[in-house]
Amino acid sequence: MAPRTDSGQASEPVRRPPEKASPSARSMLLTVLGEFVLPRRGALWTGTLIDALGALGVEEKSARQALSRTAAEGLLESERHGRKVRWNLTEAGDRLLREGTERIYGLMRRPHAWDGRWLLLTAGVPETQRRLRHRLRTKLTWLGLGSPSPALWVIPDASKETAVREIIHELDLDDRAYAWTGPSAGIGDTAKLISAAWDLEDVAKRYLRFIERFEDVTVSSDREAFVNQVLLIQEWRHFPFLDPDLPAELLDHAWPGPRAAAVFHDLRDRWHRRAQAEWDRMDAEAAARH
């Protein structure tokens, strides 16, 4: 069914960037929650979400499943208003989205000086504890750390010391981890260390594809602004897991990250007002339904 304009007439199909592999309904839901629900005191109607994900090509059954799964994970809680259900972010959901928003929008937002110091961490988790290994890897990767060899993690940013300490304590690894900070001793090839810790060649290719996909996208309606803004953020949110945001001194001068970041922030700023207006329209319609 074609989306309708404010006048009630069927509109043209929403123009999107060229498609790639479709993200999961839950992944899309988290993007929508962070961009449109978190700023509005963390509440939404079921109908608003169904309409929003429907505009993004997600079927109603998949949208409801994503909503239920997210609630089961403790990120949302429901309250009934007659025949309708309103969802609110839990404390855990609010914290998760705020941390994600800060990382997503903070990536390469401004140049940062480097004092030449590194942070190194050793943390031994046996292969038999796969879930713990996965949690540790996920949390350290989110912080930007890379692993050039088993049980060793590095990042040229000593300021991450407190955050790393919190992760080690949270995962109860205090007696199996050791970390230290300081400048390089000048032994070995730093370029090879970086290559072993992060696949920057792949990250660079992803940045170039991101630029190619979005750079020339324009919108002509609030609906198009909403859809394309979600797709933009959905694609960009992968980069904090991939790019450690290394100091300029350690990067090739042709590094495409800053250009990709400029495209992201420019388009998001251009589409933001219209995308938010479309969300408000869908929310008002959902609230008015009996």
Protein backbone atom coordinates (compact mmCIF):
# COMPACT_ATOMS: atom_id res chain seq x y z
CA MET A 1 0.00 0.00 0.00
CA ALA A 2 1.43 3.37 -1.02
CA PRO A 3 2.13 5.89 1.78
CA ARG A 4 -0.22 8.84 1.98
CA THR A 5 0.50 12.54 2.14
CA ASP A 6 -1.01 14.87 4.72
CA SER A 7 -3.86 15.50 2.31
CA GLY A 8 -4.73 11.80 2.31
CA GLN A 9 -3.68 11.16 -1.28
CA ALA A 10 -1.39 8.28 -2.14
CA SER A 11 2.16 9.54 -2.54
CA GLU A 12 4.94 8.36 -4.77
CA PRO A 13 7.13 5.57 -3.40
CA VAL A 14 9.79 6.88 -1.07
CA ARG A 15 13.10 7.43 -2.84
CA ARG A 16 15.88 5.59 -1.06
CA PRO A 17 19.60 5.14 -1.48
CA PRO A 18 20.58 2.01 -3.46
CA GLU A 19 19.73 -1.07 -1.41
CA LYS A 20 22.18 -3.36 0.31
CA ALA A 21 21.52 -6.31 2.60
CA SER A 22 18.39 -5.53 4.62
CA PRO A 23 18.98 -4.88 8.34
CA SER A 24 16.95 -6.83 10.88
CA ALA A 25 13.70 -5.43 12.22
CA ARG A 26 15.19 -5.25 15.71
CA SER A 27 18.24 -3.35 14.48
CA MET A 28 15.98 -0.89 12.70
CA LEU A 29 13.84 -0.60 15.83
CA LEU A 30 16.86 0.36 17.95
CA THR A 31 17.80 3.04 15.44
CA VAL A 32 14.26 4.46 15.54
CA LEU A 33 14.20 4.37 19.34
CA GLY A 34 17.48 6.22 19.62
CA GLU A 35 16.64 8.89 17.07
CA PHE A 36 12.95 9.58 17.69
CA VAL A 37 11.86 8.06 21.02
CA LEU A 38 14.79 8.88 23.30
CA PRO A 39 14.48 12.67 22.73
CA ARG A 40 10.74 12.49 23.56
CA ARG A 41 11.08 11.17 27.10
CA GLY A 42 11.24 7.58 25.83
CA ALA A 43 7.60 6.76 25.05
CA LEU A 44 5.75 5.54 21.94
CA TRP A 45 2.51 3.87 20.89
CA THR A 46 2.59 0.42 19.32
CA GLY A 47 0.82 1.88 16.29
CA THR A 48 3.50 4.54 15.85
CA LEU A 49 6.19 1.90 15.70
CA ILE A 50 4.20 -0.29 13.29
CA ASP A 51 3.70 2.68 10.96
CA ALA A 52 7.34 3.82 11.25
CA LEU A 53 8.84 0.41 10.55
CA GLY A 54 6.25 -0.14 7.82
CA ALA A 55 7.56 2.96 6.05
CA LEU A 56 10.97 1.29 6.18
CA GLY A 57 9.71 -1.91 4.58
CA VAL A 58 9.27 -3.98 7.76
CA GLU A 59 6.12 -6.11 7.90
CA GLU A 60 3.80 -5.69 10.88
CA LYS A 61 4.45 -9.22 12.20
CA SER A 62 8.21 -8.61 12.17
CA ALA A 63 7.77 -5.21 13.81
CA ARG A 64 5.72 -6.69 16.65
CA GLN A 65 8.24 -9.48 17.14
CA ALA A 66 11.07 -6.95 17.31
CA LEU A 67 9.11 -4.94 19.87
CA SER A 68 8.42 -8.00 22.01
CA ARG A 69 12.05 -9.14 21.84
CA THR A 70 13.32 -5.71 22.85
CA ALA A 71 10.91 -5.65 25.78
CA ALA A 72 12.00 -9.15 26.82
CA GLU A 73 15.59 -7.87 26.94
CA GLY A 74 14.53 -5.30 29.50
CA LEU A 75 14.88 -2.24 27.27
CA LEU A 76 11.16 -1.40 27.04
CA GLU A 77 8.14 -1.79 29.33
CA SER A 78 4.48 -1.49 28.39
CA GLU A 79 1.46 0.24 29.89
CA ARG A 80 -2.08 -0.21 28.67
CA HIS A 81 -4.36 2.72 27.79
CA GLY A 82 -7.74 1.15 27.04
CA ARG A 83 -7.24 -0.95 23.92
CA LYS A 84 -3.89 0.64 23.10
CA VAL A 85 -0.42 -0.03 24.46
CA ARG A 86 2.18 2.60 25.13
CA TRP A 87 5.83 1.61 25.52
CA ASN A 88 8.40 3.36 27.68
CA LEU A 89 12.15 3.03 27.73
CA THR A 90 13.44 1.38 30.88
CA GLU A 91 16.44 2.76 32.72
CA ALA A 92 18.59 0.15 30.98
CA GLY A 93 17.11 1.04 27.59
CA ASP A 94 17.64 4.74 28.16
CA ARG A 95 21.25 4.18 29.19
CA LEU A 96 21.98 1.89 26.22
CA LEU A 97 20.56 4.36 23.71
CA ARG A 98 22.29 7.38 25.24
CA GLU A 99 25.64 5.62 25.18
CA GLY A 100 25.04 4.56 21.59
CA THR A 101 23.95 8.03 20.53
CA GLU A 102 27.04 9.59 22.08
CA ARG A 103 29.34 7.12 20.33
CA ILE A 104 27.54 7.31 16.96
CA TYR A 105 27.45 11.11 16.81
CA GLY A 106 30.80 11.60 18.48
CA LEU A 107 32.78 9.54 15.97
CA MET A 108 35.19 11.91 14.21
CA ARG A 109 33.03 14.85 15.20
CA ARG A 110 36.11 16.88 16.09
CA PRO A 111 39.88 16.42 15.76
CA HIS A 112 41.60 15.16 18.89
CA ALA A 113 45.20 15.75 19.80
CA TRP A 114 47.32 12.71 20.63
CA ASP A 115 49.83 12.71 23.47
CA GLY A 116 51.66 9.68 22.05
CA ARG A 117 50.46 7.33 24.79
CA TRP A 118 48.91 3.90 24.29
CA LEU A 119 46.75 1.73 26.49
CA LEU A 120 47.52 -2.01 26.48
CA LEU A 121 45.37 -4.66 28.11
CA THR A 122 45.85 -8.39 28.61
CA ALA A 123 42.74 -10.33 29.53
CA GLY A 124 42.74 -14.10 29.39
CA VAL A 125 39.35 -15.77 28.91
CA PRO A 126 39.42 -19.50 28.02
CA GLU A 127 37.78 -20.75 24.84
CA THR A 128 35.29 -22.70 26.93
CA GLN A 129 33.78 -19.42 28.22
CA ARG A 130 32.58 -18.31 24.81
CA ARG A 131 29.80 -16.06 26.06
CA LEU A 132 32.18 -14.17 28.33
CA ARG A 133 34.75 -13.90 25.51
CA HIS A 134 32.05 -12.50 23.23
CA ARG A 135 30.89 -9.93 25.82
CA LEU A 136 34.47 -8.81 26.44
CA ARG A 137 35.21 -8.50 22.72
CA THR A 138 31.98 -6.60 22.05
CA LYS A 139 32.55 -4.10 24.86
CA LEU A 140 36.23 -3.49 24.08
CA THR A 141 35.56 -3.17 20.34
CA TRP A 142 32.82 -0.62 21.08
CA LEU A 143 35.44 1.41 22.96
CA GLY A 144 37.71 1.25 19.92
CA LEU A 145 40.27 -1.25 21.16
CA GLY A 146 41.84 -3.68 18.71
CA SER A 147 43.37 -7.10 19.28
CA PRO A 148 46.63 -7.71 17.39
CA SER A 149 47.11 -11.10 19.05
CA PRO A 150 45.10 -13.40 21.35
CA ALA A 151 44.37 -11.94 24.81
CA LEU A 152 46.08 -8.63 23.92
CA TRP A 153 44.15 -5.40 23.31
CA VAL A 154 45.56 -2.01 22.34
CA ILE A 155 44.45 1.53 21.57
CA PRO A 156 46.47 4.76 21.15
CA ASP A 157 44.27 6.54 23.70
CA ALA A 158 45.27 6.37 27.37
CA SER A 159 42.11 8.26 28.36
CA LYS A 160 40.12 5.02 27.87
CA GLU A 161 41.71 3.65 31.06
CA THR A 162 38.67 4.29 33.26
CA ALA A 163 36.23 2.83 30.75
CA VAL A 164 38.36 -0.30 30.33
CA ARG A 165 38.63 -0.70 34.11
CA GLU A 166 34.82 -0.54 34.38
CA ILE A 167 34.42 -3.26 31.74
CA ILE A 168 36.92 -5.56 33.43
CA HIS A 169 35.19 -5.05 36.79
CA GLU A 170 31.71 -5.52 35.29
CA LEU A 171 32.75 -8.85 33.74
CA ASP A 172 34.51 -9.95 36.96
CA LEU A 173 37.87 -10.25 35.25
CA ASP A 174 39.94 -8.24 37.74
CA ASP A 175 42.08 -11.25 38.64
CA ARG A 176 42.66 -12.20 34.97
CA ALA A 177 43.49 -8.83 33.44
CA TYR A 178 46.32 -6.34 33.52
CA ALA A 179 46.60 -2.97 31.79
CA TRP A 180 49.18 -0.24 31.47
CA THR A 181 49.57 3.05 29.63
CA GLY A 182 52.52 4.90 28.17
CA PRO A 183 54.38 5.86 25.00
CA SER A 184 55.75 3.37 22.51
CA ALA A 185 59.25 2.09 23.26
CA GLY A 186 60.06 2.37 19.55
CA ILE A 187 60.53 -1.38 19.18
CA GLY A 188 58.83 -2.96 16.19
CA ASP A 189 56.71 -1.54 13.37
CA THR A 190 53.70 0.47 14.55
CA ALA A 191 52.07 0.18 11.12
CA LYS A 192 52.15 -3.60 11.37
CA LEU A 193 50.66 -3.47 14.87
CA ILE A 194 47.79 -1.32 13.63
CA SER A 195 47.24 -3.60 10.64
CA ALA A 196 47.04 -6.63 12.95
CA ALA A 197 44.68 -4.90 15.41
CA TRP A 198 42.23 -3.34 12.95
CA ASP A 199 41.24 -4.06 9.36
CA LEU A 200 41.48 -0.43 8.27
CA GLU A 201 41.56 -1.34 4.58
CA ASP A 202 38.09 -2.82 4.89
CA VAL A 203 36.90 0.16 6.96
CA ALA A 204 38.15 2.56 4.27
CA LYS A 205 36.21 0.64 1.60
CA ARG A 206 33.08 0.79 3.76
CA TYR A 207 33.47 4.54 4.17
CA LEU A 208 33.77 4.99 0.41
CA ARG A 209 30.65 2.88 -0.16
CA PHE A 210 28.81 4.94 2.45
CA ILE A 211 29.77 8.15 0.67
CA GLU A 212 28.75 6.73 -2.71
CA ARG A 213 25.43 5.51 -1.36
CA PHE A 214 24.29 8.67 0.42
CA GLU A 215 26.22 11.70 -0.82
CA ASP A 216 23.79 12.67 -3.61
CA VAL A 217 20.52 11.58 -1.97
CA THR A 218 17.86 14.29 -1.82
CA VAL A 219 14.39 14.24 -0.26
CA SER A 220 11.20 15.99 -1.31
CA SER A 221 8.82 15.13 1.55
CA ASP A 222 8.78 14.58 5.29
CA ARG A 223 8.21 10.86 4.62
CA GLU A 224 11.33 10.63 2.48
CA ALA A 225 13.32 12.56 5.08
CA PHE A 226 12.22 10.10 7.78
CA VAL A 227 13.02 6.98 5.77
CA ASN A 228 16.36 8.18 4.49
CA GLN A 229 17.47 9.54 7.85
CA VAL A 230 16.83 6.17 9.49
CA LEU A 231 18.72 4.39 6.70
CA LEU A 232 21.57 6.89 7.04
CA ILE A 233 21.91 6.34 10.79
CA GLN A 234 21.38 2.61 10.41
CA GLU A 235 24.41 2.45 8.13
CA TRP A 236 26.56 4.87 10.13
CA ARG A 237 26.00 3.14 13.47
CA HIS A 238 28.24 0.25 12.36
CA PHE A 239 31.33 2.44 12.15
CA PRO A 240 31.99 2.86 15.90
CA PHE A 241 32.45 -0.93 15.99
CA LEU A 242 34.78 -0.86 12.99
CA ASP A 243 36.78 2.36 13.24
CA PRO A 244 38.94 3.00 16.34
CA ASP A 245 39.13 6.70 15.36
CA LEU A 246 42.91 6.66 15.41
CA PRO A 247 44.95 9.86 15.71
CA ALA A 248 45.76 11.52 12.40
CA GLU A 249 49.46 10.80 12.98
CA LEU A 250 48.77 7.08 12.62
CA LEU A 251 46.59 7.27 9.49
CA ASP A 252 47.17 7.59 5.78
CA HIS A 253 46.48 11.16 4.65
CA ALA A 254 43.93 9.79 2.15
CA TRP A 255 41.83 8.28 4.97
CA PRO A 256 38.16 8.72 3.91
CA GLY A 257 36.70 8.74 7.43
CA PRO A 258 36.43 12.52 7.86
CA ARG A 259 34.76 12.92 4.47
CA ALA A 260 32.24 10.19 5.32
CA ALA A 261 31.58 11.84 8.70
CA ALA A 262 30.97 15.19 6.96
CA VAL A 263 28.42 13.53 4.65
CA PHE A 264 26.69 11.89 7.60
CA HIS A 265 26.37 15.00 9.75
CA ASP A 266 25.41 17.26 6.84
CA LEU A 267 22.59 15.00 5.67
CA ARG A 268 21.35 14.29 9.17
CA ASP A 269 21.21 18.02 9.92
CA ARG A 270 19.40 18.69 6.63
CA TRP A 271 16.80 15.97 7.11
CA HIS A 272 16.34 16.16 10.87
CA ARG A 273 13.47 18.67 11.12
CA ARG A 274 11.36 17.03 8.41
CA ALA A 275 12.04 13.52 9.73
CA GLN A 276 10.97 14.56 13.22
CA ALA A 277 7.82 16.14 11.79
CA GLU A 278 6.93 12.85 10.08
CA TRP A 279 7.43 10.96 13.33
CA ASP A 280 5.17 13.41 15.18
CA ARG A 281 2.52 12.98 12.47
CA MET A 282 2.61 9.17 12.77
CA ASP A 283 2.53 9.38 16.57
CA ALA A 284 -0.46 11.74 16.52
CA GLU A 285 -2.34 9.41 14.18
CA ALA A 286 -1.57 6.40 16.37
CA ALA A 287 -2.73 8.24 19.50
CA ALA A 288 -6.01 9.22 17.79
CA ARG A 289 -6.93 5.67 16.82
CA HIS A 290 -9.57 3.90 18.93
